[in-house]
């Protein structure tokens, strides 16, 4: 008896409806993976964590940070740090290793670097100082909530990379007293390791690519 080879098994036909559902399911899975938070996040205090959860933003990691703009983080994008980015920031902060004062000056330059790095990408290279909703230019500006969040994120990344020798990242500060004509304002904070003095790092009061204000918080809180 001659044995005839068996024909290959024929795959069952898949209906159009099944394929449609499969494509939808796979698309949803891809979207879920893309939107998932990073596996490794920087440890935050409750107050610092609230800075992000209040606007459903994600905190920074050692590799990337969410950039908020458009007033109260209504617009946002990711800044993924490249090898060149890390090299440049390391260079900037190395210039400040001699003292706390020198490090604060290096931080000012790092904030300007950030401004120039993202400005042409998101349009904030047109931003003005002290922008808020009254200027009707949210697409190209930060309000103080955005600058506080972005500056804090950058400082947390620098801290995570071990580039801050004389300071740690503090919790944001607030000022505002309408009875005395002082408008509400927030800012990022550095805490000096020796003595524990709080220093503001405030880019909101400066226009694009200008050096941010750095001063003692006890002085800043009295200004307008």
N, C-alpha and C. Protein backbone atom coordinates (compact mmCIF):
# COMPACT_ATOMS: atom_id res chain seq x y z
N UNK A 1 0.86 -1.20 0.00
CA UNK A 1 0.00 0.00 0.00
C UNK A 1 0.89 1.23 0.00
N UNK A 2 0.60 2.11 -0.92
CA UNK A 2 1.40 3.34 -0.96
C UNK A 2 0.74 4.39 -0.08
N UNK A 3 1.57 5.01 0.75
CA UNK A 3 1.05 6.05 1.65
C UNK A 3 1.17 7.41 0.98
N UNK A 4 0.08 8.01 0.80
CA UNK A 4 0.07 9.35 0.21
C UNK A 4 0.31 10.39 1.29
N UNK A 5 1.15 11.36 1.05
CA UNK A 5 1.35 12.41 2.06
C UNK A 5 0.05 13.16 2.31
N UNK A 6 -0.14 13.43 3.57
CA UNK A 6 -1.36 14.16 3.94
C UNK A 6 -1.23 15.62 3.55
N UNK A 7 -2.27 16.17 3.03
CA UNK A 7 -2.21 17.61 2.70
C UNK A 7 -2.08 18.44 3.97
N UNK A 8 -1.41 19.56 3.91
CA UNK A 8 -1.27 20.39 5.12
C UNK A 8 -2.63 20.82 5.64
N UNK A 9 -2.66 20.89 6.97
CA UNK A 9 -3.93 21.29 7.60
C UNK A 9 -4.27 22.70 7.19
N UNK A 10 -5.50 22.91 6.91
CA UNK A 10 -5.97 24.23 6.47
C UNK A 10 -6.44 25.04 7.67
N UNK A 11 -5.86 26.20 7.79
CA UNK A 11 -6.25 27.05 8.92
C UNK A 11 -7.70 27.46 8.76
N UNK A 12 -8.40 27.50 9.86
CA UNK A 12 -9.79 27.93 9.79
C UNK A 12 -9.88 29.36 9.31
N UNK A 13 -10.86 29.64 8.51
CA UNK A 13 -11.03 31.00 8.02
C UNK A 13 -11.44 31.92 9.17
N UNK A 14 -10.83 33.07 9.14
CA UNK A 14 -11.11 34.04 10.19
C UNK A 14 -12.01 35.11 9.61
N UNK A 15 -13.11 35.34 10.26
CA UNK A 15 -14.07 36.31 9.75
C UNK A 15 -13.60 37.74 9.91
N UNK A 16 -14.20 38.59 9.12
CA UNK A 16 -13.84 40.01 9.18
C UNK A 16 -14.11 40.61 10.54
N UNK A 17 -15.17 40.18 11.18
CA UNK A 17 -15.52 40.73 12.50
C UNK A 17 -14.47 40.37 13.54
N UNK A 18 -13.98 39.12 13.46
CA UNK A 18 -12.95 38.68 14.41
C UNK A 18 -11.67 39.50 14.21
N UNK A 19 -11.28 39.70 12.96
CA UNK A 19 -10.07 40.46 12.67
C UNK A 19 -10.20 41.91 13.14
N UNK A 20 -11.38 42.46 12.95
CA UNK A 20 -11.61 43.83 13.39
C UNK A 20 -11.42 43.97 14.89
N UNK A 21 -12.00 43.00 15.64
CA UNK A 21 -11.87 43.03 17.10
C UNK A 21 -10.43 42.81 17.54
N UNK A 22 -9.71 41.93 16.80
CA UNK A 22 -8.32 41.67 17.14
C UNK A 22 -7.47 42.92 16.95
N UNK A 23 -7.70 43.63 15.84
CA UNK A 23 -6.94 44.85 15.58
C UNK A 23 -7.22 45.91 16.64
N UNK A 24 -8.48 46.03 17.02
CA UNK A 24 -8.85 47.01 18.06
C UNK A 24 -8.18 46.66 19.38
N UNK A 25 -8.18 45.38 19.74
CA UNK A 25 -7.57 44.94 21.00
C UNK A 25 -6.07 45.20 21.01
N UNK A 26 -5.40 44.89 19.88
CA UNK A 26 -3.96 45.12 19.80
C UNK A 26 -3.64 46.61 19.85
N UNK A 27 -4.46 47.42 19.20
CA UNK A 27 -4.25 48.87 19.23
C UNK A 27 -4.40 49.41 20.64
N UNK A 28 -5.39 48.90 21.35
CA UNK A 28 -5.60 49.34 22.74
C UNK A 28 -4.43 48.93 23.62
N UNK A 29 -3.89 47.73 23.37
CA UNK A 29 -2.75 47.26 24.16
C UNK A 29 -1.53 48.13 23.92
N UNK A 30 -1.28 48.48 22.65
CA UNK A 30 -0.15 49.34 22.32
C UNK A 30 -0.30 50.71 22.98
N UNK A 31 -1.51 51.25 22.94
CA UNK A 31 -1.77 52.56 23.55
C UNK A 31 -1.55 52.51 25.05
N UNK A 32 -1.95 51.40 25.66
CA UNK A 32 -1.78 51.24 27.11
C UNK A 32 -0.30 51.20 27.47
N UNK A 33 0.47 50.47 26.69
CA UNK A 33 1.91 50.37 26.96
C UNK A 33 2.58 51.72 26.78
N UNK A 34 2.19 52.45 25.72
CA UNK A 34 2.80 53.75 25.47
C UNK A 34 2.47 54.75 26.55
N UNK A 35 1.29 54.63 27.14
CA UNK A 35 0.85 55.59 28.16
C UNK A 35 1.27 55.20 29.57
N UNK A 36 1.81 54.02 29.72
CA UNK A 36 2.15 53.53 31.05
C UNK A 36 3.24 54.38 31.67
N UNK A 37 3.20 54.62 32.98
CA UNK A 37 4.24 55.41 33.63
C UNK A 37 5.58 54.70 33.58
N UNK A 38 6.68 55.44 33.68
CA UNK A 38 7.99 54.82 33.65
C UNK A 38 8.14 53.80 34.77
N UNK A 39 8.99 52.81 34.54
CA UNK A 39 9.19 51.77 35.54
C UNK A 39 9.97 52.29 36.73
N UNK A 40 10.79 53.31 36.49
CA UNK A 40 11.64 53.81 37.56
C UNK A 40 11.38 55.28 37.77
N UNK A 41 10.88 55.66 38.91
CA UNK A 41 10.60 57.06 39.20
C UNK A 41 11.45 57.53 40.38
N UNK A 42 11.65 58.83 40.45
CA UNK A 42 12.42 59.42 41.54
C UNK A 42 11.55 59.49 42.78
N UNK A 43 12.13 59.16 43.93
CA UNK A 43 11.39 59.24 45.19
C UNK A 43 11.02 60.68 45.50
N UNK A 44 9.77 60.89 45.92
CA UNK A 44 9.27 62.23 46.19
C UNK A 44 8.62 62.29 47.56
N UNK A 45 8.65 63.48 48.16
CA UNK A 45 7.86 63.71 49.36
C UNK A 45 6.39 63.81 48.95
N UNK A 46 5.51 63.79 49.92
CA UNK A 46 4.08 63.89 49.63
C UNK A 46 3.77 65.19 48.91
N UNK A 47 4.37 66.29 49.37
CA UNK A 47 4.11 67.60 48.76
C UNK A 47 4.64 67.67 47.34
N UNK A 48 5.83 67.14 47.10
CA UNK A 48 6.38 67.13 45.75
C UNK A 48 5.56 66.24 44.83
N UNK A 49 5.11 65.11 45.34
CA UNK A 49 4.27 64.22 44.52
C UNK A 49 2.97 64.92 44.13
N UNK A 50 2.43 65.71 45.05
CA UNK A 50 1.18 66.43 44.78
C UNK A 50 1.35 67.45 43.66
N UNK A 51 2.57 67.95 43.50
CA UNK A 51 2.84 68.89 42.43
C UNK A 51 2.47 68.30 41.07
N UNK A 52 2.59 66.99 40.95
CA UNK A 52 2.29 66.30 39.69
C UNK A 52 0.87 65.72 39.68
N UNK A 53 0.46 65.12 40.78
CA UNK A 53 -0.86 64.51 40.80
C UNK A 53 -1.97 65.53 40.67
N UNK A 54 -1.73 66.76 41.10
CA UNK A 54 -2.75 67.80 41.02
C UNK A 54 -3.18 68.08 39.58
N UNK A 55 -2.29 67.82 38.63
CA UNK A 55 -2.62 68.07 37.22
C UNK A 55 -2.51 66.79 36.40
N UNK A 56 -2.53 65.66 37.09
CA UNK A 56 -2.43 64.35 36.42
C UNK A 56 -1.19 64.27 35.52
N UNK A 57 -0.10 64.86 35.99
CA UNK A 57 1.18 64.78 35.28
C UNK A 57 2.03 63.69 35.91
N UNK A 58 3.05 63.27 35.17
CA UNK A 58 3.96 62.25 35.68
C UNK A 58 5.24 62.90 36.17
N UNK A 59 5.75 62.47 37.31
CA UNK A 59 7.02 63.02 37.82
C UNK A 59 8.19 62.57 36.96
N UNK A 60 9.33 63.23 37.11
CA UNK A 60 10.48 62.88 36.27
C UNK A 60 11.11 61.56 36.68
N UNK A 61 11.88 61.00 35.77
CA UNK A 61 12.75 59.87 36.06
C UNK A 61 14.18 60.34 35.76
N UNK A 62 15.13 59.44 35.89
CA UNK A 62 16.51 59.78 35.57
C UNK A 62 16.72 59.93 34.07
N UNK A 63 15.74 59.49 33.28
CA UNK A 63 15.89 59.50 31.82
C UNK A 63 15.04 60.54 31.10
N UNK A 64 13.95 60.99 31.74
CA UNK A 64 13.04 61.89 31.04
C UNK A 64 12.22 62.71 32.03
N UNK A 65 11.65 63.81 31.54
CA UNK A 65 10.76 64.62 32.36
C UNK A 65 9.63 65.14 31.49
N UNK A 66 8.48 65.29 32.10
CA UNK A 66 7.33 65.88 31.42
C UNK A 66 7.46 67.40 31.50
N UNK A 67 7.34 68.06 30.37
CA UNK A 67 7.41 69.52 30.31
C UNK A 67 5.99 70.06 30.24
N UNK A 68 5.65 70.92 31.20
CA UNK A 68 4.32 71.53 31.25
C UNK A 68 4.37 72.93 30.67
N UNK A 69 3.36 73.30 29.88
CA UNK A 69 3.22 74.66 29.39
C UNK A 69 1.74 74.90 29.09
N UNK A 70 1.43 76.09 28.57
CA UNK A 70 0.03 76.36 28.26
C UNK A 70 -0.82 76.75 29.44
N UNK A 71 -0.20 77.04 30.60
CA UNK A 71 -0.87 77.47 31.82
C UNK A 71 -1.50 76.29 32.56
N UNK A 72 -0.99 76.03 33.75
CA UNK A 72 -1.43 74.95 34.64
C UNK A 72 -1.32 73.59 33.93
N UNK A 73 -0.29 73.45 33.13
CA UNK A 73 0.05 72.17 32.49
C UNK A 73 -1.05 71.66 31.55
N UNK A 74 -1.79 72.59 30.93
CA UNK A 74 -2.83 72.16 29.98
C UNK A 74 -2.22 71.61 28.69
N UNK A 75 -0.99 72.01 28.41
CA UNK A 75 -0.23 71.42 27.31
C UNK A 75 1.00 70.75 27.90
N UNK A 76 1.43 69.68 27.30
CA UNK A 76 2.59 68.96 27.86
C UNK A 76 3.28 68.13 26.80
N UNK A 77 4.56 67.90 27.03
CA UNK A 77 5.34 67.04 26.14
C UNK A 77 6.43 66.38 26.98
N UNK A 78 7.12 65.42 26.38
CA UNK A 78 8.21 64.73 27.07
C UNK A 78 9.56 65.27 26.60
N UNK A 79 10.46 65.44 27.53
CA UNK A 79 11.86 65.70 27.21
C UNK A 79 12.65 64.47 27.61
N UNK A 80 13.13 63.74 26.62
CA UNK A 80 13.97 62.57 26.85
C UNK A 80 15.43 63.02 26.80
N UNK A 81 16.15 62.82 27.89
CA UNK A 81 17.52 63.31 27.97
C UNK A 81 18.45 62.42 27.15
N UNK A 82 19.15 63.05 26.22
CA UNK A 82 20.11 62.34 25.40
C UNK A 82 21.46 62.30 26.10
N UNK A 83 22.37 61.54 25.53
CA UNK A 83 23.73 61.50 26.07
C UNK A 83 24.36 62.89 26.02
N UNK A 84 24.09 63.61 24.94
CA UNK A 84 24.62 64.98 24.82
C UNK A 84 24.02 65.91 25.86
N UNK A 85 22.73 65.75 26.16
CA UNK A 85 22.06 66.55 27.19
C UNK A 85 22.74 66.33 28.55
N UNK A 86 22.94 65.07 28.87
CA UNK A 86 23.53 64.75 30.17
C UNK A 86 24.97 65.26 30.26
N UNK A 87 25.69 65.17 29.16
CA UNK A 87 27.07 65.66 29.14
C UNK A 87 27.11 67.16 29.39
N UNK A 88 26.19 67.89 28.73
CA UNK A 88 26.17 69.34 28.88
C UNK A 88 25.78 69.76 30.28
N UNK A 89 24.76 69.14 30.84
CA UNK A 89 24.34 69.48 32.19
C UNK A 89 25.41 69.12 33.22
N UNK A 90 26.08 68.02 33.01
CA UNK A 90 27.17 67.63 33.91
C UNK A 90 28.29 68.67 33.86
N UNK A 91 28.57 69.15 32.67
CA UNK A 91 29.59 70.20 32.49
C UNK A 91 29.18 71.49 33.20
N UNK A 92 27.92 71.87 33.04
CA UNK A 92 27.45 73.10 33.69
C UNK A 92 27.53 73.01 35.21
N UNK A 93 27.10 71.89 35.75
CA UNK A 93 27.09 71.75 37.21
C UNK A 93 28.48 71.54 37.79
N UNK A 94 29.38 70.97 37.00
CA UNK A 94 30.76 70.78 37.47
C UNK A 94 31.42 72.13 37.76
N UNK A 95 31.01 73.14 37.03
CA UNK A 95 31.57 74.48 37.25
C UNK A 95 31.14 75.07 38.58
N UNK A 96 30.15 74.47 39.22
CA UNK A 96 29.67 75.00 40.49
C UNK A 96 30.03 74.18 41.70
N UNK A 97 30.95 73.24 41.55
CA UNK A 97 31.23 72.33 42.66
C UNK A 97 32.03 72.96 43.80
N UNK A 98 32.62 74.13 43.57
CA UNK A 98 33.50 74.72 44.58
C UNK A 98 32.75 75.23 45.81
N UNK A 99 31.52 75.71 45.62
CA UNK A 99 30.79 76.29 46.75
C UNK A 99 29.29 76.28 46.45
N UNK A 100 28.51 76.55 47.49
CA UNK A 100 27.06 76.61 47.32
C UNK A 100 26.67 77.76 46.40
N UNK A 101 27.35 78.89 46.54
CA UNK A 101 27.04 80.05 45.69
C UNK A 101 27.35 79.72 44.23
N UNK A 102 28.48 79.07 44.00
CA UNK A 102 28.85 78.70 42.63
C UNK A 102 27.86 77.68 42.05
N UNK A 103 27.36 76.80 42.90
CA UNK A 103 26.39 75.82 42.42
C UNK A 103 25.07 76.48 42.05
N UNK A 104 24.66 77.47 42.81
CA UNK A 104 23.42 78.17 42.46
C UNK A 104 23.57 78.89 41.12
N UNK A 105 24.74 79.42 40.86
CA UNK A 105 24.97 80.06 39.57
C UNK A 105 24.94 79.02 38.46
N UNK A 106 25.48 77.84 38.73
CA UNK A 106 25.45 76.76 37.74
C UNK A 106 24.03 76.30 37.48
N UNK A 107 23.21 76.27 38.52
CA UNK A 107 21.80 75.90 38.37
C UNK A 107 21.08 76.92 37.49
N UNK A 108 21.38 78.19 37.66
CA UNK A 108 20.78 79.22 36.80
C UNK A 108 21.08 78.94 35.33
N UNK A 109 22.31 78.57 35.05
CA UNK A 109 22.70 78.27 33.66
C UNK A 109 22.02 76.99 33.16
N UNK A 110 21.81 76.03 34.07
CA UNK A 110 21.11 74.80 33.68
C UNK A 110 19.65 75.09 33.33
N UNK A 111 19.02 76.01 34.03
CA UNK A 111 17.64 76.39 33.73
C UNK A 111 17.57 77.09 32.37
N UNK A 112 18.54 77.94 32.08
CA UNK A 112 18.59 78.58 30.75
C UNK A 112 18.79 77.52 29.67
N UNK A 113 19.66 76.54 29.96
CA UNK A 113 19.85 75.43 29.01
C UNK A 113 18.51 74.74 28.73
N UNK A 114 17.74 74.46 29.78
CA UNK A 114 16.44 73.82 29.62
C UNK A 114 15.52 74.68 28.75
N UNK A 115 15.48 75.97 29.03
CA UNK A 115 14.62 76.89 28.28
C UNK A 115 14.96 76.84 26.79
N UNK A 116 16.24 76.88 26.49
CA UNK A 116 16.68 76.85 25.09
C UNK A 116 16.49 75.47 24.46
N UNK A 117 16.57 74.45 25.28
CA UNK A 117 16.45 73.08 24.75
C UNK A 117 15.02 72.81 24.26
N UNK A 118 14.02 73.23 25.06
CA UNK A 118 12.64 72.89 24.71
C UNK A 118 11.91 74.00 23.98
N UNK A 119 12.40 75.25 24.11
CA UNK A 119 11.68 76.38 23.52
C UNK A 119 11.36 76.24 22.05
N UNK A 120 12.36 75.96 21.20
CA UNK A 120 12.08 75.83 19.77
C UNK A 120 11.17 74.65 19.43
N UNK A 121 11.10 73.66 20.30
CA UNK A 121 10.29 72.47 20.05
C UNK A 121 8.81 72.74 20.32
N UNK A 122 8.52 73.41 21.43
CA UNK A 122 7.12 73.60 21.82
C UNK A 122 6.62 75.02 21.60
N UNK A 123 7.50 75.91 21.17
CA UNK A 123 7.08 77.28 20.87
C UNK A 123 7.26 78.27 22.00
N UNK A 124 7.85 77.84 23.11
CA UNK A 124 8.05 78.76 24.24
C UNK A 124 9.28 79.64 24.06
N UNK A 125 9.94 79.54 22.91
CA UNK A 125 11.02 80.49 22.62
C UNK A 125 10.45 81.88 22.36
N UNK A 126 9.13 81.98 22.33
CA UNK A 126 8.46 83.28 22.18
C UNK A 126 7.89 83.77 23.51
N UNK A 127 8.15 83.06 24.56
CA UNK A 127 7.49 83.37 25.84
C UNK A 127 7.96 84.70 26.43
N UNK A 128 7.10 85.25 27.26
CA UNK A 128 7.40 86.52 27.93
C UNK A 128 7.48 86.30 29.43
N UNK A 129 8.03 87.27 30.13
CA UNK A 129 8.10 87.19 31.59
C UNK A 129 6.73 87.39 32.21
N UNK A 130 6.47 86.72 33.30
CA UNK A 130 5.26 86.87 34.10
C UNK A 130 3.97 86.62 33.31
N UNK A 131 4.01 85.67 32.40
CA UNK A 131 2.82 85.35 31.60
C UNK A 131 1.76 84.65 32.45
N UNK A 132 0.50 84.94 32.16
CA UNK A 132 -0.60 84.21 32.76
C UNK A 132 -1.80 84.29 31.82
N UNK A 133 -2.95 83.83 32.26
CA UNK A 133 -4.11 83.70 31.38
C UNK A 133 -4.56 85.04 30.80
N UNK A 134 -4.17 86.15 31.42
CA UNK A 134 -4.61 87.46 30.93
C UNK A 134 -3.98 87.82 29.59
N UNK A 135 -2.90 87.13 29.22
CA UNK A 135 -2.20 87.46 27.98
C UNK A 135 -2.74 86.69 26.78
N UNK A 136 -3.61 85.73 27.01
CA UNK A 136 -4.24 84.97 25.93
C UNK A 136 -3.21 84.39 24.95
N UNK A 137 -2.11 83.91 25.50
CA UNK A 137 -1.04 83.36 24.66
C UNK A 137 -0.52 82.07 25.29
N UNK A 138 -1.45 81.21 25.66
CA UNK A 138 -1.06 80.00 26.38
C UNK A 138 -0.19 79.07 25.54
N UNK A 139 -0.37 79.08 24.23
CA UNK A 139 0.37 78.15 23.37
C UNK A 139 1.88 78.36 23.45
N UNK A 140 2.30 79.58 23.74
CA UNK A 140 3.73 79.91 23.72
C UNK A 140 4.29 80.31 25.07
N UNK A 141 3.56 80.04 26.15
CA UNK A 141 4.00 80.56 27.44
C UNK A 141 3.87 79.55 28.58
N UNK A 142 4.56 79.88 29.65
CA UNK A 142 4.42 79.21 30.94
C UNK A 142 3.76 80.17 31.92
N UNK A 143 2.90 79.67 32.79
CA UNK A 143 2.56 80.44 33.97
C UNK A 143 3.46 79.96 35.11
N UNK A 144 3.28 80.51 36.30
CA UNK A 144 4.20 80.15 37.38
C UNK A 144 4.00 78.71 37.86
N UNK A 145 2.81 78.14 37.62
CA UNK A 145 2.60 76.73 37.95
C UNK A 145 3.45 75.85 37.03
N UNK A 146 3.51 76.22 35.76
CA UNK A 146 4.33 75.47 34.81
C UNK A 146 5.82 75.59 35.12
N UNK A 147 6.28 76.82 35.37
CA UNK A 147 7.71 77.00 35.63
C UNK A 147 8.13 76.33 36.94
N UNK A 148 7.25 76.37 37.93
CA UNK A 148 7.57 75.69 39.20
C UNK A 148 7.72 74.19 38.97
N UNK A 149 6.78 73.62 38.22
CA UNK A 149 6.81 72.17 37.97
C UNK A 149 8.02 71.79 37.11
N UNK A 150 8.27 72.56 36.06
CA UNK A 150 9.38 72.23 35.17
C UNK A 150 10.74 72.40 35.85
N UNK A 151 10.89 73.50 36.58
CA UNK A 151 12.17 73.73 37.26
C UNK A 151 12.41 72.68 38.33
N UNK A 152 11.36 72.35 39.09
CA UNK A 152 11.49 71.31 40.11
C UNK A 152 11.87 69.98 39.46
N UNK A 153 11.25 69.65 38.35
CA UNK A 153 11.58 68.40 37.65
C UNK A 153 13.04 68.38 37.22
N UNK A 154 13.50 69.48 36.64
CA UNK A 154 14.90 69.55 36.22
C UNK A 154 15.83 69.39 37.41
N UNK A 155 15.52 70.06 38.51
CA UNK A 155 16.37 69.96 39.70
C UNK A 155 16.37 68.54 40.25
N UNK A 156 15.23 67.88 40.22
CA UNK A 156 15.17 66.49 40.69
C UNK A 156 16.02 65.57 39.82
N UNK A 157 16.04 65.83 38.52
CA UNK A 157 16.88 65.03 37.62
C UNK A 157 18.36 65.28 37.94
N UNK A 158 18.74 66.53 38.11
CA UNK A 158 20.13 66.85 38.45
C UNK A 158 20.52 66.19 39.77
N UNK A 159 19.60 66.21 40.72
CA UNK A 159 19.86 65.56 42.00
C UNK A 159 20.01 64.05 41.84
N UNK A 160 19.15 63.47 41.02
CA UNK A 160 19.21 62.02 40.78
C UNK A 160 20.53 61.63 40.11
N UNK A 161 21.04 62.48 39.27
CA UNK A 161 22.32 62.21 38.61
C UNK A 161 23.52 62.47 39.51
N UNK A 162 23.27 62.96 40.71
CA UNK A 162 24.37 63.23 41.64
C UNK A 162 25.14 64.50 41.33
N UNK A 163 24.50 65.45 40.64
CA UNK A 163 25.19 66.67 40.23
C UNK A 163 25.03 67.81 41.23
N UNK A 164 24.12 67.68 42.19
CA UNK A 164 23.95 68.72 43.22
C UNK A 164 24.74 68.33 44.45
N UNK A 165 25.81 69.05 44.70
CA UNK A 165 26.67 68.73 45.84
C UNK A 165 26.31 69.54 47.09
N UNK A 166 25.86 70.77 46.88
CA UNK A 166 25.66 71.70 48.00
C UNK A 166 24.20 71.94 48.32
N UNK A 167 23.28 71.38 47.54
CA UNK A 167 21.85 71.63 47.73
C UNK A 167 21.05 70.35 47.52
N UNK A 168 19.86 70.34 48.10
CA UNK A 168 18.86 69.34 47.80
C UNK A 168 17.63 70.04 47.26
N UNK A 169 16.74 69.29 46.64
CA UNK A 169 15.53 69.88 46.08
C UNK A 169 14.47 69.99 47.17
N UNK A 170 13.97 71.21 47.37
CA UNK A 170 12.96 71.43 48.39
C UNK A 170 11.55 71.44 47.82
N UNK A 171 10.60 71.59 48.70
CA UNK A 171 9.20 71.68 48.29
C UNK A 171 8.88 73.10 47.84
N UNK A 172 8.09 73.26 46.79
CA UNK A 172 7.79 74.60 46.25
C UNK A 172 7.22 75.54 47.31
N UNK A 173 7.48 76.81 47.11
CA UNK A 173 6.97 77.84 48.02
C UNK A 173 5.90 78.68 47.31
N UNK A 174 5.06 79.30 48.12
CA UNK A 174 3.94 80.10 47.62
C UNK A 174 3.97 81.47 48.30
N UNK A 175 3.55 82.47 47.55
CA UNK A 175 3.32 83.80 48.14
C UNK A 175 2.06 84.37 47.52
N UNK A 176 1.46 85.33 48.20
CA UNK A 176 0.25 85.95 47.67
C UNK A 176 -0.64 86.48 48.77
N UNK A 177 -0.83 87.78 48.80
CA UNK A 177 -1.69 88.42 49.79
C UNK A 177 -2.38 89.61 49.11
N UNK A 178 -3.63 89.39 48.72
CA UNK A 178 -4.37 90.43 47.99
C UNK A 178 -4.57 91.68 48.84
N UNK A 179 -4.61 91.52 50.16
CA UNK A 179 -4.83 92.68 51.03
C UNK A 179 -3.70 93.67 50.91
N UNK A 180 -2.49 93.17 50.55
CA UNK A 180 -1.33 94.05 50.41
C UNK A 180 -0.91 94.19 48.95
N UNK A 181 -1.81 93.79 48.03
CA UNK A 181 -1.51 93.94 46.62
C UNK A 181 -0.52 92.94 46.06
N UNK A 182 -0.30 91.87 46.80
CA UNK A 182 0.65 90.85 46.35
C UNK A 182 -0.10 89.73 45.64
N UNK A 183 0.21 89.53 44.36
CA UNK A 183 -0.48 88.51 43.56
C UNK A 183 0.08 87.12 43.86
N UNK A 184 -0.73 86.07 43.66
CA UNK A 184 -0.28 84.70 43.93
C UNK A 184 0.87 84.30 43.01
N UNK A 185 1.79 83.55 43.56
CA UNK A 185 2.96 83.11 42.78
C UNK A 185 3.60 81.90 43.47
N UNK A 186 4.10 80.97 42.66
CA UNK A 186 4.80 79.79 43.17
C UNK A 186 6.20 79.72 42.58
N UNK A 187 7.06 78.98 43.23
CA UNK A 187 8.42 78.83 42.71
C UNK A 187 9.06 77.53 43.20
N UNK A 188 10.05 77.09 42.44
CA UNK A 188 10.85 75.93 42.84
C UNK A 188 11.86 76.35 43.91
N UNK A 189 12.32 75.36 44.68
CA UNK A 189 13.18 75.64 45.84
C UNK A 189 14.38 74.70 45.88
N UNK A 190 15.52 75.27 46.22
CA UNK A 190 16.71 74.51 46.60
C UNK A 190 16.98 74.72 48.08
N UNK A 191 17.37 73.66 48.77
CA UNK A 191 17.72 73.75 50.19
C UNK A 191 19.22 73.56 50.33
N UNK A 192 19.87 74.56 50.88
CA UNK A 192 21.32 74.49 51.07
C UNK A 192 21.65 73.45 52.14
N UNK A 193 22.55 72.56 51.83
CA UNK A 193 22.85 71.45 52.75
C UNK A 193 23.49 71.95 54.04
N UNK A 194 24.30 72.97 53.95
CA UNK A 194 24.92 73.54 55.15
C UNK A 194 24.08 74.71 55.62
N UNK A 195 23.39 74.55 56.72
CA UNK A 195 22.57 75.63 57.27
C UNK A 195 21.10 75.52 56.94
N UNK A 196 20.75 74.79 55.88
CA UNK A 196 19.34 74.54 55.57
C UNK A 196 18.58 75.73 55.02
N UNK A 197 19.28 76.74 54.50
CA UNK A 197 18.57 77.90 53.96
C UNK A 197 17.88 77.53 52.64
N UNK A 198 16.68 78.11 52.44
CA UNK A 198 15.90 77.83 51.24
C UNK A 198 16.14 78.93 50.21
N UNK A 199 16.43 78.52 48.98
CA UNK A 199 16.67 79.45 47.88
C UNK A 199 15.66 79.19 46.76
N UNK A 200 15.05 80.25 46.27
CA UNK A 200 14.11 80.09 45.15
C UNK A 200 14.89 80.03 43.84
N UNK A 201 14.34 79.28 42.90
CA UNK A 201 14.84 79.28 41.51
C UNK A 201 13.61 79.59 40.65
N UNK A 202 13.49 80.84 40.25
CA UNK A 202 12.24 81.34 39.67
C UNK A 202 12.47 81.83 38.24
N UNK A 203 12.02 81.05 37.25
CA UNK A 203 12.19 81.45 35.85
C UNK A 203 10.96 82.19 35.31
N UNK A 204 9.86 82.19 36.05
CA UNK A 204 8.63 82.81 35.57
C UNK A 204 8.76 84.32 35.41
N UNK A 205 9.56 84.94 36.25
CA UNK A 205 9.72 86.39 36.22
C UNK A 205 10.72 86.84 35.16
N UNK A 206 11.23 85.91 34.39
CA UNK A 206 12.20 86.22 33.34
C UNK A 206 11.68 85.72 31.99
N UNK A 207 12.03 86.41 30.93
CA UNK A 207 11.62 86.01 29.58
C UNK A 207 12.51 84.87 29.07
N UNK A 208 12.21 84.43 27.88
CA UNK A 208 12.90 83.29 27.28
C UNK A 208 14.43 83.45 27.31
N UNK A 209 15.08 82.40 27.79
CA UNK A 209 16.54 82.27 27.82
C UNK A 209 17.24 83.27 28.73
N UNK A 210 16.49 83.99 29.56
CA UNK A 210 17.10 84.86 30.55
C UNK A 210 17.37 84.09 31.83
N UNK A 211 18.37 84.51 32.56
CA UNK A 211 18.74 83.85 33.81
C UNK A 211 17.58 83.93 34.81
N UNK A 212 17.22 82.80 35.45
CA UNK A 212 16.16 82.86 36.45
C UNK A 212 16.61 83.61 37.71
N UNK A 213 15.64 84.09 38.45
CA UNK A 213 15.95 84.70 39.74
C UNK A 213 16.33 83.62 40.73
N UNK A 214 17.39 83.85 41.47
CA UNK A 214 17.78 82.97 42.58
C UNK A 214 18.04 83.87 43.78
N UNK A 215 17.26 83.67 44.82
CA UNK A 215 17.40 84.48 46.03
C UNK A 215 16.86 83.69 47.22
N UNK A 216 17.17 84.17 48.41
CA UNK A 216 16.64 83.52 49.61
C UNK A 216 15.12 83.59 49.61
N UNK A 217 14.49 82.50 50.00
CA UNK A 217 13.03 82.43 50.00
C UNK A 217 12.43 83.47 50.94
N UNK A 218 13.12 83.78 52.01
CA UNK A 218 12.60 84.74 52.98
C UNK A 218 12.53 86.15 52.39
N UNK A 219 13.35 86.43 51.38
CA UNK A 219 13.29 87.72 50.66
C UNK A 219 12.23 87.64 49.57
N UNK A 220 12.24 86.54 48.82
CA UNK A 220 11.29 86.34 47.72
C UNK A 220 9.84 86.45 48.17
N UNK A 221 9.52 85.89 49.34
CA UNK A 221 8.15 85.83 49.79
C UNK A 221 7.56 87.23 50.06
N UNK A 222 8.42 88.23 50.20
CA UNK A 222 7.97 89.59 50.48
C UNK A 222 7.83 90.42 49.20
N UNK A 223 8.26 89.87 48.08
CA UNK A 223 8.23 90.63 46.83
C UNK A 223 6.93 90.41 46.08
N UNK A 224 6.79 91.11 44.96
CA UNK A 224 5.61 90.93 44.11
C UNK A 224 6.06 90.84 42.66
